[in-house]
């Protein structure tokens, strides 16, 4: 029916708005994104309230949203209560170690939490010779690809876990791809940074040496609270128990963290507020899109690994990785007669068709680094770096100077070696 296809429009409008308005009309976007997201969601809600099978679909979407935002919110608050400050000689080796550690812990704090935790000490450590490429590789590694080993790491993988993918499935199936990609990017970064390091004048190098080496960490109690959140993620029954534990942990973290730590981290709720509004709209408006892709999966080529990798990668680059993951997972499952809202079907799909789930997981996480709008932390990292005086490349400059010449060839090799 024509109205069944038209109801996909709110989802398309929201994703296009998310991709374009922050770049073209940023002031308008930051004032009006809550109204736009809620309004588009209300259109879909009204439609499904009067359809025969609408209530169960809405219920599933809202339950998934609650689980999703509870984890992101709790990780955001807890990571905001940990303050790291470094100083000393920012050698290429030291930077590689910091990026490697950040890539690993992004699987515990999430890419957003790890990015907000480490970007300021990273910039401070390199303040005498900071260049745009330092921040770009931070986006590549800590803001995106690093968080591909656990459901906590990146929103797409969290959605898969909520739907029924086992918690350790991505670690088991993506660890080799992760190591290969991280190692390749580290090597390229080291070459860039070694050349830059050699250009630093001797007088400036003396200033760096004179600072001495020091790493300071405050807010240790929040590390214990992080363990509680990770433990809660593993709970599935009774319903909403894990979300209650996560939110309670976030409240405790906020109360016990000193005001000084929050001020040092420039902590505020604006970033998570934006995520909450936008993802409410995304979760609701993508219901008809998921239904359409499930019913037309073979016609869309979603039973072909190569198509899934490149199509989902392209959409992730210019839209958002979480809804892209959900749409392609739904479509690929539909090609084999499986339903996304059945946890048993999702578990079966992960066991019987692991290459499809692996491909969707890789493309939806990795390609989020291709543009500033591919993943939520990218713009936040860029904004903080610019506030610190780094002259960051624009939207298209980011692509033709960095992602197209560094990431795209690397992803081609990932495709050839691990997927094709």
Protein backbone atom coordinates (compact mmCIF):
# COMPACT_ATOMS: atom_id res chain seq x y z
CA UNK A 1 0.00 0.00 0.00
CA UNK A 2 1.17 3.52 -0.83
CA UNK A 3 0.85 4.77 2.76
CA UNK A 4 3.08 1.94 3.98
CA UNK A 5 5.88 3.27 1.77
CA UNK A 6 5.22 6.94 2.53
CA UNK A 7 5.54 6.33 6.28
CA UNK A 8 9.26 5.64 5.66
CA UNK A 9 9.69 9.34 4.78
CA UNK A 10 10.04 10.58 8.41
CA UNK A 11 13.02 8.23 8.85
CA UNK A 12 14.64 9.47 5.63
CA UNK A 13 13.98 13.12 6.55
CA UNK A 14 15.50 12.65 10.02
CA UNK A 15 18.66 10.97 8.70
CA UNK A 16 19.15 13.55 5.96
CA UNK A 17 18.63 16.32 8.52
CA UNK A 18 21.19 14.71 10.80
CA UNK A 19 23.66 14.53 7.93
CA UNK A 20 23.16 18.00 6.46
CA UNK A 21 21.90 20.56 8.98
CA UNK A 22 24.82 20.35 11.48
CA UNK A 23 27.08 21.28 8.56
CA UNK A 24 24.89 23.73 6.60
CA UNK A 25 22.80 25.40 9.35
CA UNK A 26 24.44 24.51 12.68
CA UNK A 27 22.76 27.26 14.75
CA UNK A 28 19.28 26.35 13.51
CA UNK A 29 20.00 22.67 14.07
CA UNK A 30 21.11 23.05 17.69
CA UNK A 31 17.99 25.09 18.48
CA UNK A 32 15.48 22.87 16.71
CA UNK A 33 16.72 19.26 16.57
CA UNK A 34 14.55 18.16 19.58
CA UNK A 35 11.38 19.51 17.92
CA UNK A 36 12.21 17.93 14.58
CA UNK A 37 13.06 14.52 16.05
CA UNK A 38 9.97 14.36 18.29
CA UNK A 39 7.64 15.64 15.55
CA UNK A 40 8.77 13.01 13.04
CA UNK A 41 8.48 10.30 15.70
CA UNK A 42 4.93 11.40 16.57
CA UNK A 43 3.88 11.01 12.91
CA UNK A 44 5.00 7.36 12.94
CA UNK A 45 3.49 6.72 16.39
CA UNK A 46 0.07 7.98 15.25
CA UNK A 47 0.29 5.82 12.13
CA UNK A 48 1.05 2.65 14.10
CA UNK A 49 -1.56 3.33 16.77
CA UNK A 50 -4.18 2.83 14.08
CA UNK A 51 -2.58 -0.12 12.27
CA UNK A 52 -3.35 -3.77 13.03
CA UNK A 53 0.12 -4.80 14.25
CA UNK A 54 1.37 -1.36 15.27
CA UNK A 55 1.32 -1.58 19.07
CA UNK A 56 3.78 -4.53 19.35
CA UNK A 57 6.19 -2.80 16.96
CA UNK A 58 6.06 0.43 18.94
CA UNK A 59 6.55 -1.46 22.19
CA UNK A 60 9.64 -3.25 20.84
CA UNK A 61 11.12 0.03 19.59
CA UNK A 62 10.60 1.89 22.87
CA UNK A 63 11.97 -0.99 24.97
CA UNK A 64 15.06 -1.10 22.76
CA UNK A 65 15.46 2.67 23.07
CA UNK A 66 15.29 2.55 26.87
CA UNK A 67 18.02 -0.13 26.98
CA UNK A 68 20.14 1.80 24.50
CA UNK A 69 19.98 5.21 26.13
CA UNK A 70 20.37 3.83 29.68
CA UNK A 71 23.77 2.35 28.81
CA UNK A 72 24.99 5.38 26.86
CA UNK A 73 23.86 7.77 29.60
CA UNK A 74 25.48 5.77 32.41
CA UNK A 75 28.79 5.43 30.52
CA UNK A 76 28.72 9.13 29.70
CA UNK A 77 28.23 10.15 33.34
CA UNK A 78 30.80 7.71 34.76
CA UNK A 79 33.47 8.60 32.19
CA UNK A 80 32.84 12.28 32.97
CA UNK A 81 33.85 11.55 36.57
CA UNK A 82 37.34 10.36 35.64
CA UNK A 83 39.98 13.00 34.94
CA UNK A 84 43.30 12.22 33.24
CA UNK A 85 46.10 14.74 32.80
CA UNK A 86 49.42 14.03 31.13
CA UNK A 87 52.55 15.99 30.40
CA UNK A 88 55.99 15.23 29.04
CA UNK A 89 57.69 14.42 25.76
CA UNK A 90 55.08 13.59 23.09
CA UNK A 91 57.20 11.15 21.12
CA UNK A 92 55.68 9.15 18.27
CA UNK A 93 56.03 5.99 20.35
CA UNK A 94 54.23 7.55 23.31
CA UNK A 95 51.41 8.76 21.07
CA UNK A 96 51.04 5.30 19.53
CA UNK A 97 50.81 3.77 23.01
CA UNK A 98 48.17 6.32 24.06
CA UNK A 99 46.10 5.66 20.93
CA UNK A 100 46.44 1.89 21.43
CA UNK A 101 45.25 2.16 25.05
CA UNK A 102 42.41 4.44 23.98
CA UNK A 103 41.35 2.01 21.25
CA UNK A 104 41.22 -0.80 23.81
CA UNK A 105 39.31 1.09 26.51
CA UNK A 106 36.77 2.40 24.00
CA UNK A 107 35.34 -1.11 24.30
CA UNK A 108 34.69 -0.46 28.00
CA UNK A 109 33.67 3.22 28.01
CA UNK A 110 32.19 3.29 24.51
CA UNK A 111 33.72 5.37 21.74
CA UNK A 112 31.98 8.50 23.05
CA UNK A 113 33.07 7.97 26.66
CA UNK A 114 36.67 7.08 25.75
CA UNK A 115 36.91 10.04 23.36
CA UNK A 116 35.67 12.52 25.95
CA UNK A 117 37.96 10.98 28.57
CA UNK A 118 41.16 11.07 26.50
CA UNK A 119 40.92 13.86 23.90
CA UNK A 120 41.92 16.67 26.29
CA UNK A 121 44.96 14.92 27.82
CA UNK A 122 45.95 13.83 24.31
CA UNK A 123 45.82 17.41 23.03
CA UNK A 124 47.64 18.67 26.11
CA UNK A 125 50.38 16.08 25.70
CA UNK A 126 50.98 17.19 22.10
CA UNK A 127 50.42 20.92 22.61
CA UNK A 128 53.89 21.95 21.39
CA UNK A 129 53.51 20.23 18.02
CA UNK A 130 49.82 19.45 17.59
CA UNK A 131 48.68 19.05 13.98
CA UNK A 132 45.31 18.13 12.44
CA UNK A 133 46.46 14.59 11.67
CA UNK A 134 46.89 13.95 15.42
CA UNK A 135 43.16 14.58 15.90
CA UNK A 136 42.13 12.77 12.69
CA UNK A 137 43.80 9.53 13.78
CA UNK A 138 42.24 9.94 17.23
CA UNK A 139 38.86 10.02 15.46
CA UNK A 140 39.77 7.00 13.33
CA UNK A 141 40.95 4.86 16.25
CA UNK A 142 39.35 5.88 19.54
CA UNK A 143 36.21 7.53 18.15
CA UNK A 144 35.33 4.64 15.84
CA UNK A 145 37.29 1.51 14.94
CA UNK A 146 38.65 0.88 18.43
CA UNK A 147 35.19 0.21 19.86
CA UNK A 148 34.34 -2.79 17.68
CA UNK A 149 35.00 -5.61 20.15
CA UNK A 150 32.11 -5.31 22.63
CA UNK A 151 28.47 -4.16 22.51
CA UNK A 152 29.50 -1.35 24.87
CA UNK A 153 32.03 -0.07 22.34
CA UNK A 154 29.76 1.38 19.67
CA UNK A 155 25.99 1.99 19.36
CA UNK A 156 25.44 -0.42 16.40
CA UNK A 157 26.90 -3.33 18.36
CA UNK A 158 24.84 -2.36 21.39
CA UNK A 159 21.68 -2.55 19.29
CA UNK A 160 22.69 -6.01 18.10
CA UNK A 161 23.21 -7.14 21.70
CA UNK A 162 19.84 -5.73 22.76
CA UNK A 163 18.23 -7.68 19.94
CA UNK A 164 19.90 -10.95 20.96
CA UNK A 165 23.49 -11.15 19.67
CA UNK A 166 25.60 -12.79 22.44
CA UNK A 167 27.79 -10.31 24.35
CA UNK A 168 31.14 -11.90 23.41
CA UNK A 169 30.17 -12.70 19.81
CA UNK A 170 31.83 -9.60 18.33
CA UNK A 171 35.03 -10.15 20.32
CA UNK A 172 35.26 -13.72 19.04
CA UNK A 173 34.57 -12.87 15.39
CA UNK A 174 36.15 -9.42 14.99
CA UNK A 175 39.34 -9.63 17.07
CA UNK A 176 41.59 -10.55 14.11
CA UNK A 177 40.07 -7.85 11.87
CA UNK A 178 40.40 -5.35 14.73
CA UNK A 179 44.07 -6.18 15.32
CA UNK A 180 44.87 -5.96 11.59
CA UNK A 181 43.10 -2.61 11.12
CA UNK A 182 44.37 -1.02 14.33
CA UNK A 183 47.95 -2.13 13.61
CA UNK A 184 47.81 -0.77 10.05
CA UNK A 185 46.50 2.61 11.23
CA UNK A 186 49.09 2.75 14.02
CA UNK A 187 51.85 2.20 11.49
CA UNK A 188 50.58 4.96 9.19
CA UNK A 189 50.15 7.30 12.15
CA UNK A 190 53.69 6.58 13.38
CA UNK A 191 55.09 7.57 9.95
CA UNK A 192 53.11 10.84 10.00
CA UNK A 193 54.10 11.58 13.59
CA UNK A 194 57.76 10.64 13.17
CA UNK A 195 58.10 13.13 10.30
CA UNK A 196 56.36 15.81 12.36
CA UNK A 197 58.48 15.06 15.44
CA UNK A 198 61.71 15.47 13.48
CA UNK A 199 60.59 18.93 12.34
CA UNK A 200 60.29 20.25 15.90
CA UNK A 201 63.03 22.79 16.54
CA UNK A 202 65.69 22.06 19.15
CA UNK A 203 64.58 24.97 21.38
CA UNK A 204 61.00 23.76 21.36
CA UNK A 205 62.16 20.22 22.04
CA UNK A 206 64.06 21.57 25.08
CA UNK A 207 60.79 22.98 26.45
CA UNK A 208 59.14 19.60 25.98
CA UNK A 209 61.97 17.79 27.73
CA UNK A 210 62.00 20.25 30.63
CA UNK A 211 58.34 19.58 31.51
CA UNK A 212 59.15 16.10 32.71
CA UNK A 213 56.96 13.02 32.52
CA UNK A 214 53.75 12.89 34.51
CA UNK A 215 50.37 11.17 34.31
CA UNK A 216 47.68 12.11 36.81
CA UNK A 217 44.36 10.29 37.20
CA UNK A 218 41.53 11.42 39.47
CA UNK A 219 38.11 9.90 40.15
CA UNK A 220 39.22 6.31 40.78
CA UNK A 221 35.87 5.44 42.40
CA UNK A 222 34.23 5.71 39.02
CA UNK A 223 36.35 2.83 37.72
CA UNK A 224 34.55 0.57 40.21
CA UNK A 225 31.20 1.97 39.06
CA UNK A 226 32.19 1.18 35.48
CA UNK A 227 32.61 -2.49 36.47
CA UNK A 228 29.06 -2.45 37.88
CA UNK A 229 27.69 -1.09 34.58
CA UNK A 230 29.53 -3.73 32.55
CA UNK A 231 28.17 -6.43 34.85
CA UNK A 232 24.65 -5.05 34.49
CA UNK A 233 24.90 -5.20 30.69
CA UNK A 234 25.08 -9.01 30.91
CA UNK A 235 21.69 -9.19 32.65
CA UNK A 236 18.67 -9.91 30.45
CA UNK A 237 16.01 -10.84 33.02
CA UNK A 238 13.96 -9.53 34.70
CA UNK A 239 13.06 -6.84 32.20
CA UNK A 240 14.57 -3.40 32.88
CA UNK A 241 16.62 -4.56 35.89
CA UNK A 242 19.90 -3.82 34.07
CA UNK A 243 18.63 -0.38 33.04
CA UNK A 244 17.67 0.44 36.64
CA UNK A 245 21.13 -0.63 37.87
CA UNK A 246 22.87 1.43 35.16
CA UNK A 247 20.87 4.59 35.86
CA UNK A 248 21.29 4.20 39.63
CA UNK A 249 25.04 3.80 39.11
CA UNK A 250 25.10 6.98 37.01
CA UNK A 251 23.30 8.89 39.79
CA UNK A 252 25.80 7.63 42.37
CA UNK A 253 28.71 8.61 40.11
CA UNK A 254 27.37 12.12 39.60
CA UNK A 255 26.83 12.60 43.34
CA UNK A 256 30.25 11.35 44.49
CA UNK A 257 32.30 13.06 41.77
CA UNK A 258 33.74 16.39 42.86
CA UNK A 259 32.73 19.56 41.09
CA UNK A 260 36.40 20.20 40.33
CA UNK A 261 36.68 16.99 38.27
CA UNK A 262 33.53 17.80 36.31
CA UNK A 263 34.82 21.30 35.62
CA UNK A 264 38.22 19.98 34.53
CA UNK A 265 36.46 17.65 32.08
CA UNK A 266 34.10 20.47 30.98
CA UNK A 267 31.31 18.03 31.83
CA UNK A 268 27.72 18.90 30.97
CA UNK A 269 24.66 16.98 29.80
CA UNK A 270 24.24 18.68 26.41
CA UNK A 271 25.94 15.93 24.32
CA UNK A 272 23.89 13.08 25.84
CA UNK A 273 20.75 15.22 25.64
CA UNK A 274 21.26 15.51 21.88
CA UNK A 275 21.81 11.76 21.58
CA UNK A 276 18.65 11.06 23.62
CA UNK A 277 16.40 13.25 21.46
CA UNK A 278 17.81 12.13 18.14
CA UNK A 279 17.84 8.43 18.89
CA UNK A 280 14.27 8.51 20.17
CA UNK A 281 13.30 9.82 16.75
CA UNK A 282 15.53 7.28 15.01
CA UNK A 283 14.23 4.28 16.96
CA UNK A 284 10.59 5.17 16.26
CA UNK A 285 10.86 6.37 12.65
CA UNK A 286 12.98 3.43 11.53
CA UNK A 287 10.19 0.91 12.37
CA UNK A 288 8.64 1.10 8.85
CA UNK A 289 12.10 1.10 7.24
CA UNK A 290 13.00 -2.09 9.09
CA UNK A 291 9.72 -3.70 8.03
CA UNK A 292 10.29 -2.75 4.39
CA UNK A 293 13.86 -4.07 4.33
CA UNK A 294 12.79 -7.32 5.97
CA UNK A 295 10.09 -7.88 3.38
CA UNK A 296 12.26 -6.89 0.38
CA UNK A 297 15.69 -8.09 1.47
CA UNK A 298 16.54 -10.31 -1.51
CA UNK A 299 15.42 -7.70 -4.04
CA UNK A 300 17.76 -5.23 -2.31
CA UNK A 301 20.73 -7.64 -2.57
CA UNK A 302 21.01 -8.14 1.19
CA UNK A 303 21.78 -11.85 0.75
CA UNK A 304 25.15 -10.91 -0.82
CA UNK A 305 28.14 -10.21 1.45
CA UNK A 306 29.87 -7.82 -0.93
CA UNK A 307 26.75 -5.70 -1.41
CA UNK A 308 26.12 -5.62 2.33
CA UNK A 309 29.68 -4.49 3.11
CA UNK A 310 29.89 -1.63 0.62
CA UNK A 311 26.26 -0.45 0.74
CA UNK A 312 26.14 -0.38 4.53
CA UNK A 313 29.58 1.26 4.61
CA UNK A 314 28.50 4.05 2.28
CA UNK A 315 25.30 4.71 4.22
CA UNK A 316 27.17 4.65 7.53
CA UNK A 317 29.65 7.22 6.22
CA UNK A 318 26.99 9.80 5.39
CA UNK A 319 24.13 9.00 7.73
CA UNK A 320 24.55 7.26 11.07
CA UNK A 321 25.99 3.87 11.89
CA UNK A 322 23.36 2.67 14.39
CA UNK A 323 20.27 2.81 12.11
CA UNK A 324 22.38 1.56 9.19
CA UNK A 325 23.37 -1.50 11.23
CA UNK A 326 19.77 -2.18 12.21
CA UNK A 327 18.44 -1.82 8.68
CA UNK A 328 21.04 -4.12 7.13
CA UNK A 329 20.78 -6.66 9.94
CA UNK A 330 17.01 -6.71 9.50
CA UNK A 331 17.32 -7.03 5.72
CA UNK A 332 19.92 -9.80 5.82
CA UNK A 333 17.90 -11.75 8.38
CA UNK A 334 14.79 -11.30 6.26
CA UNK A 335 16.57 -12.90 3.30
CA UNK A 336 16.65 -16.12 5.35
CA UNK A 337 13.13 -15.84 6.75
CA UNK A 338 14.24 -14.58 10.18
CA UNK A 339 12.73 -11.71 12.18
CA UNK A 340 14.68 -8.94 13.94
CA UNK A 341 12.27 -8.74 16.90
CA UNK A 342 12.78 -12.40 17.78
CA UNK A 343 15.78 -12.90 20.08
CA UNK A 344 15.86 -16.59 19.07
CA UNK A 345 16.01 -15.64 15.37
CA UNK A 346 18.86 -13.19 16.04
CA UNK A 347 20.76 -15.85 17.99
CA UNK A 348 20.18 -18.34 15.18
CA UNK A 349 21.36 -15.82 12.57
CA UNK A 350 24.57 -15.15 14.53
CA UNK A 351 25.24 -18.91 14.69
CA UNK A 352 24.21 -20.01 11.19
CA UNK A 353 25.16 -16.92 9.15
CA UNK A 354 28.10 -15.43 11.10
CA UNK A 355 29.75 -13.95 7.97
CA UNK A 356 26.76 -11.67 7.39
CA UNK A 357 26.67 -10.42 10.97
CA UNK A 358 30.45 -10.01 10.92
CA UNK A 359 30.28 -8.00 7.69
CA UNK A 360 27.50 -5.74 8.96
CA UNK A 361 29.35 -5.18 12.25
CA UNK A 362 32.63 -4.27 10.52
CA UNK A 363 31.15 -1.91 7.95
CA UNK A 364 28.79 -0.12 10.36
CA UNK A 365 31.57 0.56 12.90
CA UNK A 366 34.61 1.09 10.66
CA UNK A 367 32.97 3.33 8.06
CA UNK A 368 31.74 5.66 10.80
CA UNK A 369 35.20 7.23 10.60
CA UNK A 370 34.88 8.19 6.92
CA UNK A 371 33.20 11.55 7.63
CA UNK A 372 32.50 13.84 10.57
CA UNK A 373 28.86 12.71 10.55
CA UNK A 374 29.50 8.96 10.45
CA UNK A 375 29.54 8.59 14.25
CA UNK A 376 28.51 10.76 17.18
CA UNK A 377 31.98 11.33 18.76
CA UNK A 378 33.52 12.69 15.53
CA UNK A 379 32.05 16.18 15.69
CA UNK A 380 32.56 16.35 19.46
CA UNK A 381 36.28 15.56 19.07
CA UNK A 382 36.59 18.12 16.25
CA UNK A 383 34.87 20.78 18.36
CA UNK A 384 37.13 20.24 21.38
CA UNK A 385 40.26 20.29 19.20
CA UNK A 386 39.21 23.56 17.54
CA UNK A 387 38.53 25.07 20.96
CA UNK A 388 42.14 24.18 21.83
CA UNK A 389 43.36 26.04 18.74
CA UNK A 390 43.81 23.16 16.27
CA UNK A 391 42.92 24.22 12.72
CA UNK A 392 40.80 21.22 11.76
CA UNK A 393 39.94 20.42 8.12
CA UNK A 394 36.42 21.07 6.84
CA UNK A 395 33.91 18.35 5.95
CA UNK A 396 35.19 17.62 2.43
CA UNK A 397 38.83 18.37 3.25
CA UNK A 398 38.65 15.71 5.97
CA UNK A 399 37.61 13.22 3.29
CA UNK A 400 39.98 14.00 0.42
CA UNK A 401 43.04 14.62 2.64
CA UNK A 402 42.57 11.78 5.10
CA UNK A 403 39.71 9.28 5.01
CA UNK A 404 39.62 8.64 1.25
CA UNK A 405 43.39 8.16 0.95
CA UNK A 406 43.99 6.35 4.27
CA UNK A 407 40.82 4.56 5.32
CA UNK A 408 39.26 3.59 1.99
CA UNK A 409 42.32 1.62 0.73
CA UNK A 410 42.60 -0.02 4.15
CA UNK A 411 38.91 -1.00 4.10
CA UNK A 412 39.43 -2.41 0.61
CA UNK A 413 42.12 -4.73 2.01
CA UNK A 414 39.82 -5.64 4.92
CA UNK A 415 37.15 -6.57 2.36
CA UNK A 416 39.55 -8.64 0.24
CA UNK A 417 41.18 -10.47 3.17
CA UNK A 418 38.27 -11.03 5.54
CA UNK A 419 35.03 -10.80 3.55
CA UNK A 420 35.22 -11.12 -0.25
